[in-house]
Amino acid sequence: MKTASRYHPSRYHPVLVTLHRLLAVLILAALAVGFFALAAMENADPRKIAVRRGRRRPTASRRSCTTVSTSWSS
């Protein structure tokens, strides 16, 4: 029977897997908003600023997921 290495586990902790998947969904959502919502607006449109401000919360969520995931696996 093969044992798992200390640095290369055979399975990752479920919390790390969940954070990884959540991070992937948040990144794809940010790309979709940028591609579909922001690209279609004129640069002078005041709604564009509101959409960009609305993207701050997902950005903070991505950063916190990355920080927790990195510190957890270290």
PDB file of N, CA and C in Angstrom:
ATOM      1  N   MET A   1       0.843  -1.188   0.000  1.00  0.00           N
ATOM      2  CA  MET A   1       0.000   0.000   0.000  1.00  0.00           C
ATOM      3  C   MET A   1       0.882   1.244   0.000  1.00  0.00           C
ATOM      4  N   LYS A   2       0.580   2.158  -0.864  1.00  0.00           N
ATOM      5  CA  LYS A   2       1.371   3.359  -1.015  1.00  0.00           C
ATOM      6  C   LYS A   2       0.918   4.415  -0.010  1.00  0.00           C
ATOM      7  N   THR A   3       1.863   5.037   0.661  1.00  0.00           N
ATOM      8  CA  THR A   3       1.515   6.085   1.616  1.00  0.00           C
ATOM      9  C   THR A   3       1.632   7.440   0.948  1.00  0.00           C
ATOM     10  N   ALA A   4       0.845   8.371   1.424  1.00  0.00           N
ATOM     11  CA  ALA A   4       0.857   9.717   0.853  1.00  0.00           C
ATOM     12  C   ALA A   4       2.071  10.480   1.343  1.00  0.00           C
ATOM     13  N   SER A   5       2.676  11.208   0.452  1.00  0.00           N
ATOM     14  CA  SER A   5       3.810  12.040   0.802  1.00  0.00           C
ATOM     15  C   SER A   5       3.324  13.223   1.627  1.00  0.00           C
ATOM     16  N   ARG A   6       4.216  13.777   2.387  1.00  0.00           N
ATOM     17  CA  ARG A   6       3.844  14.913   3.218  1.00  0.00           C
ATOM     18  C   ARG A   6       3.508  16.136   2.361  1.00  0.00           C
ATOM     19  N   TYR A   7       4.171  16.293   1.243  1.00  0.00           N
ATOM     20  CA  TYR A   7       3.988  17.464   0.405  1.00  0.00           C
ATOM     21  C   TYR A   7       3.002  17.240  -0.744  1.00  0.00           C
ATOM     22  N   HIS A   8       2.685  16.020  -1.062  1.00  0.00           N
ATOM     23  CA  HIS A   8       1.754  15.717  -2.141  1.00  0.00           C
ATOM     24  C   HIS A   8       0.693  14.745  -1.633  1.00  0.00           C
ATOM     25  N   PRO A   9      -0.317  15.276  -0.949  1.00  0.00           N
ATOM     26  CA  PRO A   9      -1.342  14.375  -0.410  1.00  0.00           C
ATOM     27  C   PRO A   9      -2.162  13.732  -1.530  1.00  0.00           C
ATOM     28  N   SER A  10      -2.661  12.547  -1.237  1.00  0.00           N
ATOM     29  CA  SER A  10      -3.482  11.869  -2.240  1.00  0.00           C
ATOM     30  C   SER A  10      -4.868  12.499  -2.342  1.00  0.00           C
ATOM     31  N   ARG A  11      -5.318  13.136  -1.260  1.00  0.00           N
ATOM     32  CA  ARG A  11      -6.597  13.859  -1.258  1.00  0.00           C
ATOM     33  C   ARG A  11      -6.419  15.167  -0.524  1.00  0.00           C
ATOM     34  N   TYR A  12      -7.065  16.196  -1.024  1.00  0.00           N
ATOM     35  CA  TYR A  12      -7.014  17.483  -0.347  1.00  0.00           C
ATOM     36  C   TYR A  12      -8.191  17.596   0.607  1.00  0.00           C
ATOM     37  N   HIS A  13      -8.037  18.436   1.599  1.00  0.00           N
ATOM     38  CA  HIS A  13      -9.088  18.647   2.591  1.00  0.00           C
ATOM     39  C   HIS A  13     -10.315  19.232   1.900  1.00  0.00           C
ATOM     40  N   PRO A  14     -11.510  18.816   2.313  1.00  0.00           N
ATOM     41  CA  PRO A  14     -12.739  19.310   1.658  1.00  0.00           C
ATOM     42  C   PRO A  14     -12.884  20.836   1.688  1.00  0.00           C
ATOM     43  N   VAL A  15     -12.368  21.473   2.733  1.00  0.00           N
ATOM     44  CA  VAL A  15     -12.451  22.932   2.797  1.00  0.00           C
ATOM     45  C   VAL A  15     -11.606  23.553   1.687  1.00  0.00           C
ATOM     46  N   LEU A  16     -10.430  22.997   1.449  1.00  0.00           N
ATOM     47  CA  LEU A  16      -9.579  23.509   0.382  1.00  0.00           C
ATOM     48  C   LEU A  16     -10.206  23.288  -0.996  1.00  0.00           C
ATOM     49  N   VAL A  17     -10.838  22.159  -1.179  1.00  0.00           N
ATOM     50  CA  VAL A  17     -11.508  21.882  -2.455  1.00  0.00           C
ATOM     51  C   VAL A  17     -12.662  22.862  -2.658  1.00  0.00           C
ATOM     52  N   THR A  18     -13.419  23.120  -1.611  1.00  0.00           N
ATOM     53  CA  THR A  18     -14.541  24.049  -1.688  1.00  0.00           C
ATOM     54  C   THR A  18     -14.056  25.467  -1.992  1.00  0.00           C
ATOM     55  N   LEU A  19     -12.989  25.899  -1.313  1.00  0.00           N
ATOM     56  CA  LEU A  19     -12.437  27.223  -1.581  1.00  0.00           C
ATOM     57  C   LEU A  19     -11.928  27.328  -3.014  1.00  0.00           C
ATOM     58  N   HIS A  20     -11.321  26.284  -3.498  1.00  0.00           N
ATOM     59  CA  HIS A  20     -10.814  26.271  -4.872  1.00  0.00           C
ATOM     60  C   HIS A  20     -11.950  26.418  -5.874  1.00  0.00           C
ATOM     61  N   ARG A  21     -13.014  25.680  -5.662  1.00  0.00           N
ATOM     62  CA  ARG A  21     -14.160  25.757  -6.575  1.00  0.00           C
ATOM     63  C   ARG A  21     -14.870  27.103  -6.481  1.00  0.00           C
ATOM     64  N   LEU A  22     -14.997  27.631  -5.265  1.00  0.00           N
ATOM     65  CA  LEU A  22     -15.609  28.945  -5.080  1.00  0.00           C
ATOM     66  C   LEU A  22     -14.785  30.021  -5.774  1.00  0.00           C
ATOM     67  N   LEU A  23     -13.487  29.928  -5.642  1.00  0.00           N
ATOM     68  CA  LEU A  23     -12.603  30.881  -6.298  1.00  0.00           C
ATOM     69  C   LEU A  23     -12.744  30.809  -7.822  1.00  0.00           C
ATOM     70  N   ALA A  24     -12.853  29.607  -8.360  1.00  0.00           N
ATOM     71  CA  ALA A  24     -13.034  29.451  -9.804  1.00  0.00           C
ATOM     72  C   ALA A  24     -14.345  30.083 -10.267  1.00  0.00           C
ATOM     73  N   VAL A  25     -15.415  29.886  -9.516  1.00  0.00           N
ATOM     74  CA  VAL A  25     -16.715  30.466  -9.876  1.00  0.00           C
ATOM     75  C   VAL A  25     -16.658  31.990  -9.808  1.00  0.00           C
ATOM     76  N   LEU A  26     -16.012  32.542  -8.775  1.00  0.00           N
ATOM     77  CA  LEU A  26     -15.918  33.993  -8.652  1.00  0.00           C
ATOM     78  C   LEU A  26     -15.095  34.610  -9.779  1.00  0.00           C
ATOM     79  N   ILE A  27     -14.027  33.941 -10.178  1.00  0.00           N
ATOM     80  CA  ILE A  27     -13.209  34.451 -11.284  1.00  0.00           C
ATOM     81  C   ILE A  27     -13.994  34.417 -12.592  1.00  0.00           C
ATOM     82  N   LEU A  28     -14.706  33.330 -12.837  1.00  0.00           N
ATOM     83  CA  LEU A  28     -15.516  33.242 -14.055  1.00  0.00           C
ATOM     84  C   LEU A  28     -16.636  34.280 -14.063  1.00  0.00           C
ATOM     85  N   ALA A  29     -17.228  34.541 -12.896  1.00  0.00           N
ATOM     86  CA  ALA A  29     -18.279  35.557 -12.812  1.00  0.00           C
ATOM     87  C   ALA A  29     -17.712  36.940 -13.104  1.00  0.00           C
ATOM     88  N   ALA A  30     -16.535  37.233 -12.575  1.00  0.00           N
ATOM     89  CA  ALA A  30     -15.913  38.535 -12.845  1.00  0.00           C
ATOM     90  C   ALA A  30     -15.583  38.698 -14.328  1.00  0.00           C
ATOM     91  N   LEU A  31     -15.100  37.632 -14.936  1.00  0.00           N
ATOM     92  CA  LEU A  31     -14.816  37.689 -16.371  1.00  0.00           C
ATOM     93  C   LEU A  31     -16.090  37.894 -17.183  1.00  0.00           C
ATOM     94  N   ALA A  32     -17.157  37.233 -16.794  1.00  0.00           N
ATOM     95  CA  ALA A  32     -18.427  37.376 -17.515  1.00  0.00           C
ATOM     96  C   ALA A  32     -18.981  38.786 -17.386  1.00  0.00           C
ATOM     97  N   VAL A  33     -18.913  39.349 -16.188  1.00  0.00           N
ATOM     98  CA  VAL A  33     -19.406  40.720 -16.003  1.00  0.00           C
ATOM     99  C   VAL A  33     -18.576  41.681 -16.836  1.00  0.00           C
ATOM    100  N   GLY A  34     -17.275  41.507 -16.821  1.00  0.00           N
ATOM    101  CA  GLY A  34     -16.425  42.392 -17.608  1.00  0.00           C
ATOM    102  C   GLY A  34     -16.657  42.250 -19.101  1.00  0.00           C
ATOM    103  N   PHE A  35     -16.860  41.029 -19.531  1.00  0.00           N
ATOM    104  CA  PHE A  35     -17.021  40.795 -20.972  1.00  0.00           C
ATOM    105  C   PHE A  35     -18.390  41.228 -21.465  1.00  0.00           C
ATOM    106  N   PHE A  36     -19.445  40.868 -20.749  1.00  0.00           N
ATOM    107  CA  PHE A  36     -20.796  41.138 -21.236  1.00  0.00           C
ATOM    108  C   PHE A  36     -21.331  42.504 -20.814  1.00  0.00           C
ATOM    109  N   ALA A  37     -21.077  42.918 -19.582  1.00  0.00           N
ATOM    110  CA  ALA A  37     -21.661  44.171 -19.100  1.00  0.00           C
ATOM    111  C   ALA A  37     -20.780  45.373 -19.414  1.00  0.00           C
ATOM    112  N   LEU A  38     -19.516  45.299 -19.094  1.00  0.00           N
ATOM    113  CA  LEU A  38     -18.658  46.464 -19.251  1.00  0.00           C
ATOM    114  C   LEU A  38     -18.244  46.719 -20.694  1.00  0.00           C
ATOM    115  N   ALA A  39     -18.024  45.681 -21.461  1.00  0.00           N
ATOM    116  CA  ALA A  39     -17.573  45.866 -22.837  1.00  0.00           C
ATOM    117  C   ALA A  39     -18.648  46.516 -23.711  1.00  0.00           C
ATOM    118  N   ALA A  40     -19.895  46.280 -23.383  1.00  0.00           N
ATOM    119  CA  ALA A  40     -20.988  46.829 -24.182  1.00  0.00           C
ATOM    120  C   ALA A  40     -21.262  48.301 -23.875  1.00  0.00           C
ATOM    121  N   MET A  41     -20.770  48.808 -22.744  1.00  0.00           N
ATOM    122  CA  MET A  41     -21.044  50.193 -22.348  1.00  0.00           C
ATOM    123  C   MET A  41     -19.998  51.141 -22.927  1.00  0.00           C
ATOM    124  N   GLU A  42     -20.435  52.356 -23.164  1.00  0.00           N
ATOM    125  CA  GLU A  42     -19.506  53.410 -23.572  1.00  0.00           C
ATOM    126  C   GLU A  42     -18.663  53.809 -22.363  1.00  0.00           C
ATOM    127  N   ASN A  43     -17.469  54.301 -22.635  1.00  0.00           N
ATOM    128  CA  ASN A  43     -16.591  54.699 -21.534  1.00  0.00           C
ATOM    129  C   ASN A  43     -17.139  55.884 -20.743  1.00  0.00           C
ATOM    130  N   ALA A  44     -17.917  56.735 -21.370  1.00  0.00           N
ATOM    131  CA  ALA A  44     -18.473  57.908 -20.700  1.00  0.00           C
ATOM    132  C   ALA A  44     -19.776  57.608 -19.962  1.00  0.00           C
ATOM    133  N   ASP A  45     -20.282  56.408 -20.053  1.00  0.00           N
ATOM    134  CA  ASP A  45     -21.542  56.037 -19.410  1.00  0.00           C
ATOM    135  C   ASP A  45     -21.364  55.996 -17.892  1.00  0.00           C
ATOM    136  N   PRO A  46     -22.176  56.749 -17.124  1.00  0.00           N
ATOM    137  CA  PRO A  46     -22.034  56.757 -15.663  1.00  0.00           C
ATOM    138  C   PRO A  46     -22.380  55.407 -15.017  1.00  0.00           C
ATOM    139  N   ARG A  47     -23.155  54.584 -15.699  1.00  0.00           N
ATOM    140  CA  ARG A  47     -23.488  53.267 -15.137  1.00  0.00           C
ATOM    141  C   ARG A  47     -22.267  52.354 -15.093  1.00  0.00           C
ATOM    142  N   LYS A  48     -21.286  52.626 -15.939  1.00  0.00           N
ATOM    143  CA  LYS A  48     -20.082  51.806 -15.980  1.00  0.00           C
ATOM    144  C   LYS A  48     -19.330  51.891 -14.649  1.00  0.00           C
ATOM    145  N   ILE A  49     -19.327  53.074 -14.052  1.00  0.00           N
ATOM    146  CA  ILE A  49     -18.677  53.243 -12.751  1.00  0.00           C
ATOM    147  C   ILE A  49     -19.416  52.443 -11.694  1.00  0.00           C
ATOM    148  N   ALA A  50     -20.746  52.436 -11.748  1.00  0.00           N
ATOM    149  CA  ALA A  50     -21.529  51.676 -10.769  1.00  0.00           C
ATOM    150  C   ALA A  50     -21.272  50.176 -10.899  1.00  0.00           C
ATOM    151  N   VAL A  51     -21.148  49.699 -12.121  1.00  0.00           N
ATOM    152  CA  VAL A  51     -20.855  48.272 -12.327  1.00  0.00           C
ATOM    153  C   VAL A  51     -19.472  47.943 -11.790  1.00  0.00           C
ATOM    154  N   ARG A  52     -18.514  48.820 -12.030  1.00  0.00           N
ATOM    155  CA  ARG A  52     -17.151  48.581 -11.537  1.00  0.00           C
ATOM    156  C   ARG A  52     -17.115  48.605 -10.020  1.00  0.00           C
ATOM    157  N   ARG A  53     -17.886  49.476  -9.399  1.00  0.00           N
ATOM    158  CA  ARG A  53     -17.945  49.495  -7.929  1.00  0.00           C
ATOM    159  C   ARG A  53     -18.609  48.230  -7.393  1.00  0.00           C
ATOM    160  N   GLY A  54     -19.563  47.718  -8.125  1.00  0.00           N
ATOM    161  CA  GLY A  54     -20.237  46.485  -7.705  1.00  0.00           C
ATOM    162  C   GLY A  54     -19.334  45.269  -7.761  1.00  0.00           C
ATOM    163  N   ARG A  55     -18.231  45.369  -8.498  1.00  0.00           N
ATOM    164  CA  ARG A  55     -17.293  44.248  -8.603  1.00  0.00           C
ATOM    165  C   ARG A  55     -16.295  44.226  -7.456  1.00  0.00           C
ATOM    166  N   ARG A  56     -16.332  45.207  -6.561  1.00  0.00           N
ATOM    167  CA  ARG A  56     -15.385  45.243  -5.444  1.00  0.00           C
ATOM    168  C   ARG A  56     -15.611  44.103  -4.458  1.00  0.00           C
ATOM    169  N   ARG A  57     -16.855  43.806  -4.157  1.00  0.00           N
ATOM    170  CA  ARG A  57     -17.145  42.752  -3.185  1.00  0.00           C
ATOM    171  C   ARG A  57     -16.674  41.380  -3.676  1.00  0.00           C
ATOM    172  N   PRO A  58     -16.963  40.995  -4.923  1.00  0.00           N
ATOM    173  CA  PRO A  58     -16.409  39.712  -5.395  1.00  0.00           C
ATOM    174  C   PRO A  58     -14.885  39.698  -5.414  1.00  0.00           C
ATOM    175  N   THR A  59     -14.275  40.836  -5.682  1.00  0.00           N
ATOM    176  CA  THR A  59     -12.813  40.890  -5.666  1.00  0.00           C
ATOM    177  C   THR A  59     -12.295  40.636  -4.260  1.00  0.00           C
ATOM    178  N   ALA A  60     -12.931  41.227  -3.277  1.00  0.00           N
ATOM    179  CA  ALA A  60     -12.536  40.992  -1.891  1.00  0.00           C
ATOM    180  C   ALA A  60     -12.763  39.534  -1.505  1.00  0.00           C
ATOM    181  N   SER A  61     -13.830  38.940  -1.999  1.00  0.00           N
ATOM    182  CA  SER A  61     -14.098  37.531  -1.716  1.00  0.00           C
ATOM    183  C   SER A  61     -13.028  36.638  -2.339  1.00  0.00           C
ATOM    184  N   ARG A  62     -12.613  36.948  -3.559  1.00  0.00           N
ATOM    185  CA  ARG A  62     -11.553  36.164  -4.200  1.00  0.00           C
ATOM    186  C   ARG A  62     -10.252  36.280  -3.430  1.00  0.00           C
ATOM    187  N   ARG A  63      -9.929  37.479  -3.002  1.00  0.00           N
ATOM    188  CA  ARG A  63      -8.695  37.673  -2.237  1.00  0.00           C
ATOM    189  C   ARG A  63      -8.726  36.928  -0.917  1.00  0.00           C
ATOM    190  N   SER A  64      -9.867  36.969  -0.228  1.00  0.00           N
ATOM    191  CA  SER A  64      -9.952  36.268   1.059  1.00  0.00           C
ATOM    192  C   SER A  64      -9.905  34.755   0.860  1.00  0.00           C
ATOM    193  N   CYS A  65     -10.536  34.236  -0.184  1.00  0.00           N
ATOM    194  CA  CYS A  65     -10.471  32.791  -0.463  1.00  0.00           C
ATOM    195  C   CYS A  65      -9.037  32.365  -0.764  1.00  0.00           C
ATOM    196  N   THR A  66      -8.348  33.173  -1.532  1.00  0.00           N
ATOM    197  CA  THR A  66      -6.957  32.854  -1.863  1.00  0.00           C
ATOM    198  C   THR A  66      -6.080  32.892  -0.624  1.00  0.00           C
ATOM    199  N   THR A  67      -6.289  33.886   0.228  1.00  0.00           N
ATOM    200  CA  THR A  67      -5.497  34.008   1.450  1.00  0.00           C
ATOM    201  C   THR A  67      -5.744  32.831   2.382  1.00  0.00           C
ATOM    202  N   VAL A  68      -7.002  32.488   2.592  1.00  0.00           N
ATOM    203  CA  VAL A  68      -7.335  31.366   3.479  1.00  0.00           C
ATOM    204  C   VAL A  68      -6.790  30.065   2.908  1.00  0.00           C
ATOM    205  N   SER A  69      -6.964  29.853   1.632  1.00  0.00           N
ATOM    206  CA  SER A  69      -6.496  28.627   0.996  1.00  0.00           C
ATOM    207  C   SER A  69      -4.976  28.500   1.082  1.00  0.00           C
ATOM    208  N   THR A  70      -4.271  29.590   0.837  1.00  0.00           N
ATOM    209  CA  THR A  70      -2.812  29.564   0.888  1.00  0.00           C
ATOM    210  C   THR A  70      -2.315  29.339   2.304  1.00  0.00           C
ATOM    211  N   SER A  71      -2.914  30.018   3.262  1.00  0.00           N
ATOM    212  CA  SER A  71      -2.454  29.859   4.645  1.00  0.00           C
ATOM    213  C   SER A  71      -2.846  28.490   5.201  1.00  0.00           C
ATOM    214  N   TRP A  72      -3.974  27.938   4.749  1.00  0.00           N
ATOM    215  CA  TRP A  72      -4.412  26.635   5.223  1.00  0.00           C
ATOM    216  C   TRP A  72      -3.476  25.529   4.741  1.00  0.00           C
ATOM    217  N   SER A  73      -3.068  25.609   3.484  1.00  0.00           N
ATOM    218  CA  SER A  73      -2.264  24.535   2.907  1.00  0.00           C
ATOM    219  C   SER A  73      -0.778  24.664   3.263  1.00  0.00           C
ATOM    220  N   SER A  74      -0.349  25.781   3.808  1.00  0.00           N
ATOM    221  CA  SER A  74       1.069  25.944   4.158  1.00  0.00           C
ATOM    222  C   SER A  74       1.440  25.213   5.419  1.00  0.00           C
TER     223      SER A  74
END
